[in-house]
PDB file of all heavy atoms in Angstrom:
ATOM      1  N   THR A   1      -9.707  10.181 -34.609  1.00  0.00           N
ATOM      2  CA  THR A   1      -9.157   9.081 -35.402  1.00  0.00           C
ATOM      3  C   THR A   1      -7.665   8.905 -35.178  1.00  0.00           C
ATOM      4  O   THR A   1      -7.094   7.866 -35.539  1.00  0.00           O
ATOM      5  CB  THR A   1      -9.400   9.296 -36.916  1.00  0.00           C
ATOM      6  OG1 THR A   1      -8.664  10.450 -37.354  1.00  0.00           O
ATOM      7  CG2 THR A   1     -10.869   9.458 -37.226  1.00  0.00           C
ATOM      8  N   GLN A   2      -7.008   9.909 -34.602  1.00  0.00           N
ATOM      9  CA  GLN A   2      -5.568   9.823 -34.363  1.00  0.00           C
ATOM     10  C   GLN A   2      -5.233   9.540 -32.902  1.00  0.00           C
ATOM     11  O   GLN A   2      -4.360   8.726 -32.611  1.00  0.00           O
ATOM     12  CB  GLN A   2      -4.893  11.134 -34.809  1.00  0.00           C
ATOM     13  CG  GLN A   2      -5.120  11.468 -36.268  1.00  0.00           C
ATOM     14  CD  GLN A   2      -4.727  10.327 -37.180  1.00  0.00           C
ATOM     15  OE1 GLN A   2      -3.574   9.872 -37.152  1.00  0.00           O
ATOM     16  NE2 GLN A   2      -5.652   9.848 -37.996  1.00  0.00           N
ATOM     17  N   ARG A   3      -5.941  10.189 -31.985  1.00  0.00           N
ATOM     18  CA  ARG A   3      -5.610  10.007 -30.565  1.00  0.00           C
ATOM     19  C   ARG A   3      -6.125   8.682 -30.020  1.00  0.00           C
ATOM     20  O   ARG A   3      -5.461   8.057 -29.194  1.00  0.00           O
ATOM     21  CB  ARG A   3      -6.164  11.177 -29.746  1.00  0.00           C
ATOM     22  CG  ARG A   3      -5.455  12.498 -30.028  1.00  0.00           C
ATOM     23  CD  ARG A   3      -5.840  13.610 -29.076  1.00  0.00           C
ATOM     24  NE  ARG A   3      -5.072  14.819 -29.380  1.00  0.00           N
ATOM     25  CZ  ARG A   3      -5.520  15.855 -30.090  1.00  0.00           C
ATOM     26  NH1 ARG A   3      -6.768  15.834 -30.541  1.00  0.00           N
ATOM     27  NH2 ARG A   3      -4.747  16.890 -30.341  1.00  0.00           N
ATOM     28  N   LEU A   4      -7.301   8.241 -30.460  1.00  0.00           N
ATOM     29  CA  LEU A   4      -7.851   7.006 -29.899  1.00  0.00           C
ATOM     30  C   LEU A   4      -6.975   5.793 -30.213  1.00  0.00           C
ATOM     31  O   LEU A   4      -6.646   5.024 -29.299  1.00  0.00           O
ATOM     32  CB  LEU A   4      -9.286   6.784 -30.376  1.00  0.00           C
ATOM     33  CG  LEU A   4     -10.001   5.595 -29.715  1.00  0.00           C
ATOM     34  CD1 LEU A   4     -10.156   5.813 -28.210  1.00  0.00           C
ATOM     35  CD2 LEU A   4     -11.361   5.346 -30.361  1.00  0.00           C
ATOM     36  N   PRO A   5      -6.564   5.561 -31.468  1.00  0.00           N
ATOM     37  CA  PRO A   5      -5.708   4.393 -31.721  1.00  0.00           C
ATOM     38  C   PRO A   5      -4.360   4.476 -31.024  1.00  0.00           C
ATOM     39  O   PRO A   5      -3.786   3.454 -30.642  1.00  0.00           O
ATOM     40  CB  PRO A   5      -5.552   4.373 -33.243  1.00  0.00           C
ATOM     41  CG  PRO A   5      -5.943   5.727 -33.710  1.00  0.00           C
ATOM     42  CD  PRO A   5      -6.938   6.240 -32.731  1.00  0.00           C
ATOM     43  N   ARG A   6      -3.838   5.673 -30.828  1.00  0.00           N
ATOM     44  CA  ARG A   6      -2.576   5.809 -30.103  1.00  0.00           C
ATOM     45  C   ARG A   6      -2.741   5.438 -28.631  1.00  0.00           C
ATOM     46  O   ARG A   6      -1.774   5.038 -27.981  1.00  0.00           O
ATOM     47  CB  ARG A   6      -2.047   7.235 -30.234  1.00  0.00           C
ATOM     48  CG  ARG A   6      -1.384   7.522 -31.583  1.00  0.00           C
ATOM     49  CD  ARG A   6      -1.094   9.008 -31.758  1.00  0.00           C
ATOM     50  NE  ARG A   6      -0.223   9.271 -32.900  1.00  0.00           N
ATOM     51  CZ  ARG A   6      -0.605   9.300 -34.154  1.00  0.00           C
ATOM     52  NH1 ARG A   6      -1.878   9.051 -34.462  1.00  0.00           N
ATOM     53  NH2 ARG A   6       0.258   9.552 -35.127  1.00  0.00           N
ATOM     54  N   LEU A   7      -3.954   5.581 -28.132  1.00  0.00           N
ATOM     55  CA  LEU A   7      -4.209   5.287 -26.723  1.00  0.00           C
ATOM     56  C   LEU A   7      -4.574   3.823 -26.494  1.00  0.00           C
ATOM     57  O   LEU A   7      -4.063   3.190 -25.575  1.00  0.00           O
ATOM     58  CB  LEU A   7      -5.333   6.195 -26.192  1.00  0.00           C
ATOM     59  CG  LEU A   7      -5.659   6.078 -24.707  1.00  0.00           C
ATOM     60  CD1 LEU A   7      -4.468   6.529 -23.858  1.00  0.00           C
ATOM     61  CD2 LEU A   7      -6.899   6.897 -24.363  1.00  0.00           C
ATOM     62  N   ILE A   8      -5.459   3.273 -27.330  1.00  0.00           N
ATOM     63  CA  ILE A   8      -5.981   1.920 -27.062  1.00  0.00           C
ATOM     64  C   ILE A   8      -5.626   0.908 -28.149  1.00  0.00           C
ATOM     65  O   ILE A   8      -5.996  -0.255 -28.038  1.00  0.00           O
ATOM     66  CB  ILE A   8      -7.517   1.945 -26.865  1.00  0.00           C
ATOM     67  CG1 ILE A   8      -8.239   2.332 -28.159  1.00  0.00           C
ATOM     68  CG2 ILE A   8      -7.901   2.870 -25.724  1.00  0.00           C
ATOM     69  CD1 ILE A   8      -9.757   2.173 -28.080  1.00  0.00           C
ATOM     70  N   GLY A   9      -4.927   1.337 -29.199  1.00  0.00           N
ATOM     71  CA  GLY A   9      -4.571   0.427 -30.278  1.00  0.00           C
ATOM     72  C   GLY A   9      -5.491   0.576 -31.484  1.00  0.00           C
ATOM     73  O   GLY A   9      -6.651   0.964 -31.355  1.00  0.00           O
ATOM     74  N   LYS A  10      -4.953   0.258 -32.666  1.00  0.00           N
ATOM     75  CA  LYS A  10      -5.669   0.495 -33.911  1.00  0.00           C
ATOM     76  C   LYS A  10      -6.935  -0.342 -34.033  1.00  0.00           C
ATOM     77  O   LYS A  10      -7.995   0.165 -34.417  1.00  0.00           O
ATOM     78  CB  LYS A  10      -4.738   0.224 -35.101  1.00  0.00           C
ATOM     79  CG  LYS A  10      -5.377   0.516 -36.446  1.00  0.00           C
ATOM     80  CD  LYS A  10      -4.336   0.563 -37.559  1.00  0.00           C
ATOM     81  CE  LYS A  10      -3.780  -0.794 -37.880  1.00  0.00           C
ATOM     82  NZ  LYS A  10      -2.921  -0.775 -39.099  1.00  0.00           N
ATOM     83  N   SER A  11      -6.864  -1.623 -33.709  1.00  0.00           N
ATOM     84  CA  SER A  11      -8.025  -2.488 -33.900  1.00  0.00           C
ATOM     85  C   SER A  11      -9.180  -2.086 -32.990  1.00  0.00           C
ATOM     86  O   SER A  11     -10.334  -2.019 -33.436  1.00  0.00           O
ATOM     87  CB  SER A  11      -7.637  -3.945 -33.649  1.00  0.00           C
ATOM     88  OG  SER A  11      -8.741  -4.800 -33.848  1.00  0.00           O
ATOM     89  N   ARG A  12      -8.902  -1.834 -31.723  1.00  0.00           N
ATOM     90  CA  ARG A  12      -9.955  -1.419 -30.805  1.00  0.00           C
ATOM     91  C   ARG A  12     -10.544  -0.071 -31.222  1.00  0.00           C
ATOM     92  O   ARG A  12     -11.747   0.150 -31.121  1.00  0.00           O
ATOM     93  CB  ARG A  12      -9.414  -1.339 -29.381  1.00  0.00           C
ATOM     94  CG  ARG A  12      -9.261  -2.702 -28.711  1.00  0.00           C
ATOM     95  CD  ARG A  12      -8.680  -2.559 -27.332  1.00  0.00           C
ATOM     96  NE  ARG A  12      -8.707  -3.825 -26.612  1.00  0.00           N
ATOM     97  CZ  ARG A  12      -7.824  -4.173 -25.689  1.00  0.00           C
ATOM     98  NH1 ARG A  12      -6.837  -3.335 -25.375  1.00  0.00           N
ATOM     99  NH2 ARG A  12      -7.926  -5.327 -25.063  1.00  0.00           N
ATOM    100  N   ALA A  13      -9.679   0.836 -31.683  1.00  0.00           N
ATOM    101  CA  ALA A  13     -10.171   2.141 -32.123  1.00  0.00           C
ATOM    102  C   ALA A  13     -11.089   1.996 -33.330  1.00  0.00           C
ATOM    103  O   ALA A  13     -12.134   2.656 -33.416  1.00  0.00           O
ATOM    104  CB  ALA A  13      -8.999   3.061 -32.456  1.00  0.00           C
ATOM    105  N   LYS A  14     -10.725   1.137 -34.271  1.00  0.00           N
ATOM    106  CA  LYS A  14     -11.592   0.912 -35.434  1.00  0.00           C
ATOM    107  C   LYS A  14     -12.933   0.326 -35.007  1.00  0.00           C
ATOM    108  O   LYS A  14     -13.993   0.701 -35.550  1.00  0.00           O
ATOM    109  CB  LYS A  14     -10.904  -0.016 -36.435  1.00  0.00           C
ATOM    110  CG  LYS A  14      -9.807   0.660 -37.235  1.00  0.00           C
ATOM    111  CD  LYS A  14      -9.195  -0.315 -38.238  1.00  0.00           C
ATOM    112  CE  LYS A  14      -8.167   0.381 -39.109  1.00  0.00           C
ATOM    113  NZ  LYS A  14      -7.538  -0.543 -40.077  1.00  0.00           N
ATOM    114  N   ASP A  15     -12.909  -0.579 -34.053  1.00  0.00           N
ATOM    115  CA  ASP A  15     -14.153  -1.159 -33.540  1.00  0.00           C
ATOM    116  C   ASP A  15     -15.082  -0.053 -33.048  1.00  0.00           C
ATOM    117  O   ASP A  15     -16.268  -0.011 -33.410  1.00  0.00           O
ATOM    118  CB  ASP A  15     -13.807  -2.129 -32.396  1.00  0.00           C
ATOM    119  CG  ASP A  15     -15.033  -2.725 -31.711  1.00  0.00           C
ATOM    120  OD1 ASP A  15     -16.166  -2.521 -32.196  1.00  0.00           O
ATOM    121  OD2 ASP A  15     -14.860  -3.392 -30.678  1.00  0.00           O
ATOM    122  N   LEU A  16     -14.552   0.862 -32.246  1.00  0.00           N
ATOM    123  CA  LEU A  16     -15.403   1.911 -31.673  1.00  0.00           C
ATOM    124  C   LEU A  16     -15.827   2.945 -32.715  1.00  0.00           C
ATOM    125  O   LEU A  16     -16.984   3.364 -32.753  1.00  0.00           O
ATOM    126  CB  LEU A  16     -14.667   2.601 -30.522  1.00  0.00           C
ATOM    127  CG  LEU A  16     -14.362   1.721 -29.308  1.00  0.00           C
ATOM    128  CD1 LEU A  16     -13.620   2.527 -28.244  1.00  0.00           C
ATOM    129  CD2 LEU A  16     -15.633   1.131 -28.726  1.00  0.00           C
ATOM    130  N   ILE A  17     -14.900   3.357 -33.567  1.00  0.00           N
ATOM    131  CA  ILE A  17     -15.210   4.429 -34.524  1.00  0.00           C
ATOM    132  C   ILE A  17     -16.092   3.940 -35.669  1.00  0.00           C
ATOM    133  O   ILE A  17     -17.051   4.616 -36.057  1.00  0.00           O
ATOM    134  CB  ILE A  17     -13.905   5.045 -35.066  1.00  0.00           C
ATOM    135  CG1 ILE A  17     -13.175   5.802 -33.939  1.00  0.00           C
ATOM    136  CG2 ILE A  17     -14.192   6.001 -36.233  1.00  0.00           C
ATOM    137  CD1 ILE A  17     -11.784   6.280 -34.316  1.00  0.00           C
ATOM    138  N   LEU A  18     -15.805   2.780 -36.215  1.00  0.00           N
ATOM    139  CA  LEU A  18     -16.565   2.307 -37.373  1.00  0.00           C
ATOM    140  C   LEU A  18     -17.978   1.864 -37.005  1.00  0.00           C
ATOM    141  O   LEU A  18     -18.901   2.007 -37.806  1.00  0.00           O
ATOM    142  CB  LEU A  18     -15.821   1.163 -38.066  1.00  0.00           C
ATOM    143  CG  LEU A  18     -14.410   1.496 -38.578  1.00  0.00           C
ATOM    144  CD1 LEU A  18     -13.820   0.318 -39.334  1.00  0.00           C
ATOM    145  CD2 LEU A  18     -14.415   2.753 -39.440  1.00  0.00           C
ATOM    146  N   THR A  19     -18.146   1.336 -35.801  1.00  0.00           N
ATOM    147  CA  THR A  19     -19.498   0.962 -35.368  1.00  0.00           C
ATOM    148  C   THR A  19     -20.247   2.129 -34.753  1.00  0.00           C
ATOM    149  O   THR A  19     -21.475   2.154 -34.757  1.00  0.00           O
ATOM    150  CB  THR A  19     -19.448  -0.178 -34.326  1.00  0.00           C
ATOM    151  OG1 THR A  19     -18.812   0.300 -33.136  1.00  0.00           O
ATOM    152  CG2 THR A  19     -18.716  -1.390 -34.870  1.00  0.00           C
ATOM    153  N   GLY A  20     -19.502   3.086 -34.203  1.00  0.00           N
ATOM    154  CA  GLY A  20     -20.141   4.203 -33.502  1.00  0.00           C
ATOM    155  C   GLY A  20     -20.762   3.794 -32.181  1.00  0.00           C
ATOM    156  O   GLY A  20     -21.569   4.528 -31.603  1.00  0.00           O
ATOM    157  N   ARG A  21     -20.392   2.604 -31.686  1.00  0.00           N
ATOM    158  CA  ARG A  21     -21.047   2.117 -30.478  1.00  0.00           C
ATOM    159  C   ARG A  21     -20.566   2.852 -29.227  1.00  0.00           C
ATOM    160  O   ARG A  21     -19.489   3.459 -29.219  1.00  0.00           O
ATOM    161  CB  ARG A  21     -20.826   0.614 -30.322  1.00  0.00           C
ATOM    162  CG  ARG A  21     -19.432   0.179 -29.923  1.00  0.00           C
ATOM    163  CD  ARG A  21     -19.350  -1.336 -29.805  1.00  0.00           C
ATOM    164  NE  ARG A  21     -18.027  -1.788 -29.413  1.00  0.00           N
ATOM    165  CZ  ARG A  21     -17.633  -1.928 -28.154  1.00  0.00           C
ATOM    166  NH1 ARG A  21     -18.467  -1.624 -27.161  1.00  0.00           N
ATOM    167  NH2 ARG A  21     -16.419  -2.373 -27.871  1.00  0.00           N
ATOM    168  N   LYS A  22     -21.374   2.758 -28.183  1.00  0.00           N
ATOM    169  CA  LYS A  22     -21.056   3.388 -26.909  1.00  0.00           C
ATOM    170  C   LYS A  22     -20.594   2.316 -25.925  1.00  0.00           C
ATOM    171  O   LYS A  22     -20.992   1.161 -26.015  1.00  0.00           O
ATOM    172  CB  LYS A  22     -22.291   4.115 -26.369  1.00  0.00           C
ATOM    173  CG  LYS A  22     -22.796   5.195 -27.329  1.00  0.00           C
ATOM    174  CD  LYS A  22     -24.178   5.694 -26.946  1.00  0.00           C
ATOM    175  CE  LYS A  22     -24.700   6.685 -27.995  1.00  0.00           C
ATOM    176  NZ  LYS A  22     -26.088   7.102 -27.716  1.00  0.00           N
ATOM    177  N   LEU A  23     -19.757   2.718 -25.004  1.00  0.00           N
ATOM    178  CA  LEU A  23     -19.271   1.777 -24.006  1.00  0.00           C
ATOM    179  C   LEU A  23     -19.297   2.409 -22.626  1.00  0.00           C
ATOM    180  O   LEU A  23     -19.230   3.639 -22.490  1.00  0.00           O
ATOM    181  CB  LEU A  23     -17.859   1.302 -24.333  1.00  0.00           C
ATOM    182  CG  LEU A  23     -16.703   2.308 -24.302  1.00  0.00           C
ATOM    183  CD1 LEU A  23     -15.378   1.555 -24.135  1.00  0.00           C
ATOM    184  CD2 LEU A  23     -16.656   3.127 -25.588  1.00  0.00           C
ATOM    185  N   GLY A  24     -19.430   1.562 -21.621  1.00  0.00           N
ATOM    186  CA  GLY A  24     -19.483   2.016 -20.253  1.00  0.00           C
ATOM    187  C   GLY A  24     -18.114   2.138 -19.618  1.00  0.00           C
ATOM    188  O   GLY A  24     -17.084   1.801 -20.218  1.00  0.00           O
ATOM    189  N   ALA A  25     -18.105   2.592 -18.355  1.00  0.00           N
ATOM    190  CA  ALA A  25     -16.854   2.885 -17.669  1.00  0.00           C
ATOM    191  C   ALA A  25     -16.015   1.630 -17.437  1.00  0.00           C
ATOM    192  O   ALA A  25     -14.785   1.667 -17.536  1.00  0.00           O
ATOM    193  CB  ALA A  25     -17.149   3.577 -16.346  1.00  0.00           C
ATOM    194  N   GLU A  26     -16.662   0.502 -17.150  1.00  0.00           N
ATOM    195  CA  GLU A  26     -15.907  -0.717 -16.866  1.00  0.00           C
ATOM    196  C   GLU A  26     -15.116  -1.157 -18.091  1.00  0.00           C
ATOM    197  O   GLU A  26     -13.917  -1.468 -17.998  1.00  0.00           O
ATOM    198  CB  GLU A  26     -16.848  -1.837 -16.412  1.00  0.00           C
ATOM    199  CG  GLU A  26     -16.125  -3.134 -16.054  1.00  0.00           C
ATOM    200  CD  GLU A  26     -17.068  -4.230 -15.560  1.00  0.00           C
ATOM    201  OE1 GLU A  26     -18.279  -3.965 -15.410  1.00  0.00           O
ATOM    202  OE2 GLU A  26     -16.575  -5.349 -15.340  1.00  0.00           O
ATOM    203  N   GLU A  27     -15.772  -1.173 -19.245  1.00  0.00           N
ATOM    204  CA  GLU A  27     -15.056  -1.543 -20.465  1.00  0.00           C
ATOM    205  C   GLU A  27     -14.008  -0.503 -20.810  1.00  0.00           C
ATOM    206  O   GLU A  27     -12.890  -0.843 -21.247  1.00  0.00           O
ATOM    207  CB  GLU A  27     -16.025  -1.718 -21.640  1.00  0.00           C
ATOM    208  CG  GLU A  27     -15.326  -2.153 -22.919  1.00  0.00           C
ATOM    209  CD  GLU A  27     -16.254  -2.290 -24.117  1.00  0.00           C
ATOM    210  OE1 GLU A  27     -17.479  -2.064 -23.961  1.00  0.00           O
ATOM    211  OE2 GLU A  27     -15.757  -2.616 -25.209  1.00  0.00           O
ATOM    212  N   ALA A  28     -14.353   0.778 -20.627  1.00  0.00           N
ATOM    213  CA  ALA A  28     -13.404   1.852 -20.937  1.00  0.00           C
ATOM    214  C   ALA A  28     -12.124   1.708 -20.122  1.00  0.00           C
ATOM    215  O   ALA A  28     -11.018   1.904 -20.638  1.00  0.00           O
ATOM    216  CB  ALA A  28     -14.051   3.209 -20.677  1.00  0.00           C
ATOM    217  N   GLU A  29     -12.266   1.344 -18.854  1.00  0.00           N
ATOM    218  CA  GLU A  29     -11.081   1.150 -18.018  1.00  0.00           C
ATOM    219  C   GLU A  29     -10.306  -0.087 -18.470  1.00  0.00           C
ATOM    220  O   GLU A  29      -9.070  -0.082 -18.506  1.00  0.00           O
ATOM    221  CB  GLU A  29     -11.476   1.015 -16.554  1.00  0.00           C
ATOM    222  CG  GLU A  29     -10.274   0.911 -15.616  1.00  0.00           C
ATOM    223  CD  GLU A  29     -10.672   0.793 -14.161  1.00  0.00           C
ATOM    224  OE1 GLU A  29     -11.739   0.206 -13.873  1.00  0.00           O
ATOM    225  OE2 GLU A  29      -9.908   1.270 -13.307  1.00  0.00           O
ATOM    226  N   SER A  30     -11.020  -1.141 -18.855  1.00  0.00           N
ATOM    227  CA  SER A  30     -10.346  -2.392 -19.216  1.00  0.00           C
ATOM    228  C   SER A  30      -9.510  -2.263 -20.482  1.00  0.00           C
ATOM    229  O   SER A  30      -8.518  -2.977 -20.650  1.00  0.00           O
ATOM    230  CB  SER A  30     -11.376  -3.522 -19.389  1.00  0.00           C
ATOM    231  OG  SER A  30     -12.133  -3.353 -20.586  1.00  0.00           O
ATOM    232  N   ILE A  31      -9.885  -1.351 -21.388  1.00  0.00           N
ATOM    233  CA  ILE A  31      -9.120  -1.186 -22.624  1.00  0.00           C
ATOM    234  C   ILE A  31      -8.164   0.004 -22.561  1.00  0.00           C
ATOM    235  O   ILE A  31      -7.491   0.322 -23.535  1.00  0.00           O
ATOM    236  CB  ILE A  31     -10.047  -1.043 -23.848  1.00  0.00           C
ATOM    237  CG1 ILE A  31     -10.894   0.236 -23.784  1.00  0.00           C
ATOM    238  CG2 ILE A  31     -10.920  -2.277 -24.020  1.00  0.00           C
ATOM    239  CD1 ILE A  31     -11.726   0.492 -25.039  1.00  0.00           C
ATOM    240  N   GLY A  32      -8.119   0.669 -21.411  1.00  0.00           N
ATOM    241  CA  GLY A  32      -7.181   1.775 -21.244  1.00  0.00           C
ATOM    242  C   GLY A  32      -7.689   3.123 -21.695  1.00  0.00           C
ATOM    243  O   GLY A  32      -6.913   4.075 -21.784  1.00  0.00           O
ATOM    244  N   LEU A  33      -8.984   3.230 -21.966  1.00  0.00           N
ATOM    245  CA  LEU A  33      -9.541   4.520 -22.374  1.00  0.00           C
ATOM    246  C   LEU A  33      -9.603   5.491 -21.197  1.00  0.00           C
ATOM    247  O   LEU A  33      -9.437   6.697 -21.372  1.00  0.00           O
ATOM    248  CB  LEU A  33     -10.938   4.320 -22.973  1.00  0.00           C
ATOM    249  CG  LEU A  33     -11.674   5.559 -23.465  1.00  0.00           C
ATOM    250  CD1 LEU A  33     -10.866   6.298 -24.534  1.00  0.00           C
ATOM    251  CD2 LEU A  33     -13.053   5.170 -24.012  1.00  0.00           C
ATOM    252  N   VAL A  34      -9.868   4.982 -19.996  1.00  0.00           N
ATOM    253  CA  VAL A  34      -9.816   5.806 -18.789  1.00  0.00           C
ATOM    254  C   VAL A  34      -8.835   5.178 -17.808  1.00  0.00           C
ATOM    255  O   VAL A  34      -8.578   3.977 -17.839  1.00  0.00           O
ATOM    256  CB  VAL A  34     -11.206   5.986 -18.129  1.00  0.00           C
ATOM    257  CG1 VAL A  34     -12.176   6.648 -19.089  1.00  0.00           C
ATOM    258  CG2 VAL A  34     -11.759   4.663 -17.639  1.00  0.00           C
ATOM    259  N   ASN A  35      -8.291   6.019 -16.927  1.00  0.00           N
ATOM    260  CA  ASN A  35      -7.273   5.569 -15.979  1.00  0.00           C
ATOM    261  C   ASN A  35      -7.835   5.134 -14.638  1.00  0.00           C
ATOM    262  O   ASN A  35      -7.290   4.239 -13.990  1.00  0.00           O
ATOM    263  CB  ASN A  35      -6.255   6.689 -15.730  1.00  0.00           C
ATOM    264  CG  ASN A  35      -5.577   7.142 -16.991  1.00  0.00           C
ATOM    265  OD1 ASN A  35      -6.041   8.066 -17.650  1.00  0.00           O
ATOM    266  ND2 ASN A  35      -4.477   6.491 -17.347  1.00  0.00           N
ATOM    267  N   ARG A  36      -8.905   5.789 -14.191  1.00  0.00           N
ATOM    268  CA  ARG A  36      -9.507   5.478 -12.898  1.00  0.00           C
ATOM    269  C   ARG A  36     -11.021   5.529 -13.046  1.00  0.00           C
ATOM    270  O   ARG A  36     -11.549   6.347 -13.808  1.00  0.00           O
ATOM    271  CB  ARG A  36      -9.115   6.489 -11.817  1.00  0.00           C
ATOM    272  CG  ARG A  36      -7.637   6.769 -11.650  1.00  0.00           C
ATOM    273  CD  ARG A  36      -6.940   5.758 -10.774  1.00  0.00           C
ATOM    274  NE  ARG A  36      -5.664   6.266 -10.288  1.00  0.00           N
ATOM    275  CZ  ARG A  36      -4.560   6.366 -11.015  1.00  0.00           C
ATOM    276  NH1 ARG A  36      -4.579   6.017 -12.293  1.00  0.00           N
ATOM    277  NH2 ARG A  36      -3.431   6.819 -10.481  1.00  0.00           N
ATOM    278  N   VAL A  37     -11.713   4.684 -12.285  1.00  0.00           N
ATOM    279  CA  VAL A  37     -13.172   4.705 -12.231  1.00  0.00           C
ATOM    280  C   VAL A  37     -13.577   4.780 -10.765  1.00  0.00           C
ATOM    281  O   VAL A  37     -12.997   4.096  -9.910  1.00  0.00           O
ATOM    282  CB  VAL A  37     -13.785   3.452 -12.891  1.00  0.00           C
ATOM    283  CG1 VAL A  37     -15.289   3.400 -12.663  1.00  0.00           C
ATOM    284  CG2 VAL A  37     -13.477   3.437 -14.385  1.00  0.00           C
ATOM    285  N   ALA A  38     -14.566   5.632 -10.482  1.00  0.00           N
ATOM    286  CA  ALA A  38     -15.041   5.794  -9.110  1.00  0.00           C
ATOM    287  C   ALA A  38     -16.549   5.927  -9.107  1.00  0.00           C
ATOM    288  O   ALA A  38     -17.163   6.254 -10.131  1.00  0.00           O
ATOM    289  CB  ALA A  38     -14.397   7.036  -8.470  1.00  0.00           C
ATOM    290  N   SER A  39     -17.158   5.671  -7.957  1.00  0.00           N
ATOM    291  CA  SER A  39     -18.594   5.908  -7.818  1.00  0.00           C
ATOM    292  C   SER A  39     -18.854   7.408  -7.929  1.00  0.00           C
ATOM    293  O   SER A  39     -17.944   8.215  -7.674  1.00  0.00           O
ATOM    294  CB  SER A  39     -19.091   5.380  -6.464  1.00  0.00           C
ATOM    295  OG  SER A  39     -18.434   6.065  -5.411  1.00  0.00           O
ATOM    296  N   PRO A  40     -20.062   7.813  -8.319  1.00  0.00           N
ATOM    297  CA  PRO A  40     -20.336   9.239  -8.489  1.00  0.00           C
ATOM    298  C   PRO A  40     -20.001  10.086  -7.264  1.00  0.00           C
ATOM    299  O   PRO A  40     -19.474  11.201  -7.399  1.00  0.00           O
ATOM    300  CB  PRO A  40     -21.840   9.268  -8.789  1.00  0.00           C
ATOM    301  CG  PRO A  40     -22.112   7.953  -9.437  1.00  0.00           C
ATOM    302  CD  PRO A  40     -21.213   6.980  -8.739  1.00  0.00           C
ATOM    303  N   ASP A  41     -20.255   9.559  -6.073  1.00  0.00           N
ATOM    304  CA  ASP A  41     -19.982  10.343  -4.871  1.00  0.00           C
ATOM    305  C   ASP A  41     -18.497  10.393  -4.522  1.00  0.00           C
ATOM    306  O   ASP A  41     -18.075  11.216  -3.702  1.00  0.00           O
ATOM    307  CB  ASP A  41     -20.775   9.785  -3.677  1.00  0.00           C
ATOM    308  CG  ASP A  41     -20.401   8.343  -3.343  1.00  0.00           C
ATOM    309  OD1 ASP A  41     -20.194   7.556  -4.287  1.00  0.00           O
ATOM    310  OD2 ASP A  41     -20.302   8.027  -2.155  1.00  0.00           O
ATOM    311  N   ARG A  42     -17.698   9.548  -5.161  1.00  0.00           N
ATOM    312  CA  ARG A  42     -16.255   9.546  -4.917  1.00  0.00           C
ATOM    313  C   ARG A  42     -15.449  10.089  -6.084  1.00  0.00           C
ATOM    314  O   ARG A  42     -14.219  10.184  -6.008  1.00  0.00           O
ATOM    315  CB  ARG A  42     -15.796   8.098  -4.643  1.00  0.00           C
ATOM    316  CG  ARG A  42     -16.142   7.571  -3.271  1.00  0.00           C
ATOM    317  CD  ARG A  42     -15.131   8.040  -2.236  1.00  0.00           C
ATOM    318  NE  ARG A  42     -13.769   7.674  -2.631  1.00  0.00           N
ATOM    319  CZ  ARG A  42     -12.682   8.361  -2.268  1.00  0.00           C
ATOM    320  NH1 ARG A  42     -12.805   9.451  -1.535  1.00  0.00           N
ATOM    321  NH2 ARG A  42     -11.474   7.976  -2.656  1.00  0.00           N
ATOM    322  N   LEU A  43     -16.135  10.464  -7.156  1.00  0.00           N
ATOM    323  CA  LEU A  43     -15.442  10.858  -8.387  1.00  0.00           C
ATOM    324  C   LEU A  43     -14.479  12.011  -8.159  1.00  0.00           C
ATOM    325  O   LEU A  43     -13.307  11.934  -8.530  1.00  0.00           O
ATOM    326  CB  LEU A  43     -16.458  11.225  -9.472  1.00  0.00           C
ATOM    327  CG  LEU A  43     -15.875  11.780 -10.772  1.00  0.00           C
ATOM    328  CD1 LEU A  43     -14.986  10.743 -11.455  1.00  0.00           C
ATOM    329  CD2 LEU A  43     -16.994  12.233 -11.712  1.00  0.00           C
ATOM    330  N   TRP A  44     -14.971  13.080  -7.554  1.00  0.00           N
ATOM    331  CA  TRP A  44     -14.121  14.265  -7.418  1.00  0.00           C
ATOM    332  C   TRP A  44     -12.966  14.006  -6.456  1.00  0.00           C
ATOM    333  O   TRP A  44     -11.843  14.465  -6.682  1.00  0.00           O
ATOM    334  CB  TRP A  44     -14.947  15.469  -6.992  1.00  0.00           C
ATOM    335  CG  TRP A  44     -14.231  16.748  -7.297  1.00  0.00           C
ATOM    336  CD1 TRP A  44     -13.680  17.614  -6.409  1.00  0.00           C
ATOM    337  CD2 TRP A  44     -13.948  17.289  -8.597  1.00  0.00           C
ATOM    338  NE1 TRP A  44     -13.067  18.656  -7.073  1.00  0.00           N
ATOM    339  CE2 TRP A  44     -13.221  18.484  -8.411  1.00  0.00           C
ATOM    340  CE3 TRP A  44     -14.247  16.860  -9.898  1.00  0.00           C
ATOM    341  CZ2 TRP A  44     -12.793  19.259  -9.472  1.00  0.00           C
ATOM    342  CZ3 TRP A  44     -13.811  17.645 -10.960  1.00  0.00           C
ATOM    343  CH2 TRP A  44     -13.088  18.826 -10.747  1.00  0.00           C
ATOM    344  N   ASP A  45     -13.214  13.253  -5.397  1.00  0.00           N
ATOM    345  CA  ASP A  45     -12.133  12.897  -4.479  1.00  0.00           C
ATOM    346  C   ASP A  45     -11.052  12.101  -5.197  1.00  0.00           C
ATOM    347  O   ASP A  45      -9.856  12.325  -4.980  1.00  0.00           O
ATOM    348  CB  ASP A  45     -12.676  12.069  -3.309  1.00  0.00           C
ATOM    349  CG  ASP A  45     -13.526  12.890  -2.347  1.00  0.00           C
ATOM    350  OD1 ASP A  45     -13.378  14.130  -2.338  1.00  0.00           O
ATOM    351  OD2 ASP A  45     -14.339  12.285  -1.622  1.00  0.00           O
ATOM    352  N   GLN A  46     -11.480  11.177  -6.057  1.00  0.00           N
ATOM    353  CA  GLN A  46     -10.513  10.374  -6.809  1.00  0.00           C
ATOM    354  C   GLN A  46      -9.704  11.248  -7.759  1.00  0.00           C
ATOM    355  O   GLN A  46      -8.482  11.100  -7.879  1.00  0.00           O
ATOM    356  CB  GLN A  46     -11.244   9.281  -7.590  1.00  0.00           C
ATOM    357  CG  GLN A  46     -10.356   8.395  -8.441  1.00  0.00           C
ATOM    358  CD  GLN A  46      -9.477   7.479  -7.623  1.00  0.00           C
ATOM    359  OE1 GLN A  46      -8.349   7.820  -7.309  1.00  0.00           O
ATOM    360  NE2 GLN A  46      -9.996   6.313  -7.267  1.00  0.00           N
TER     361      GLN A  46
END
C-alpha cells in the first residue's frame, strides 16, 4: 500500500489494490510497474 502508489501514483495504485485485479506485462510496463519486458527466451539476457 506504500510502495505501489509511490511507484505508479495513488489513483492507479488504488485501482489495482481495491479491485484486486491482475494485469499483464504490457499494461505493467505502460504504467511504470516494470522497467523492461522481454520474451521468455530473452528475459535473462535482458
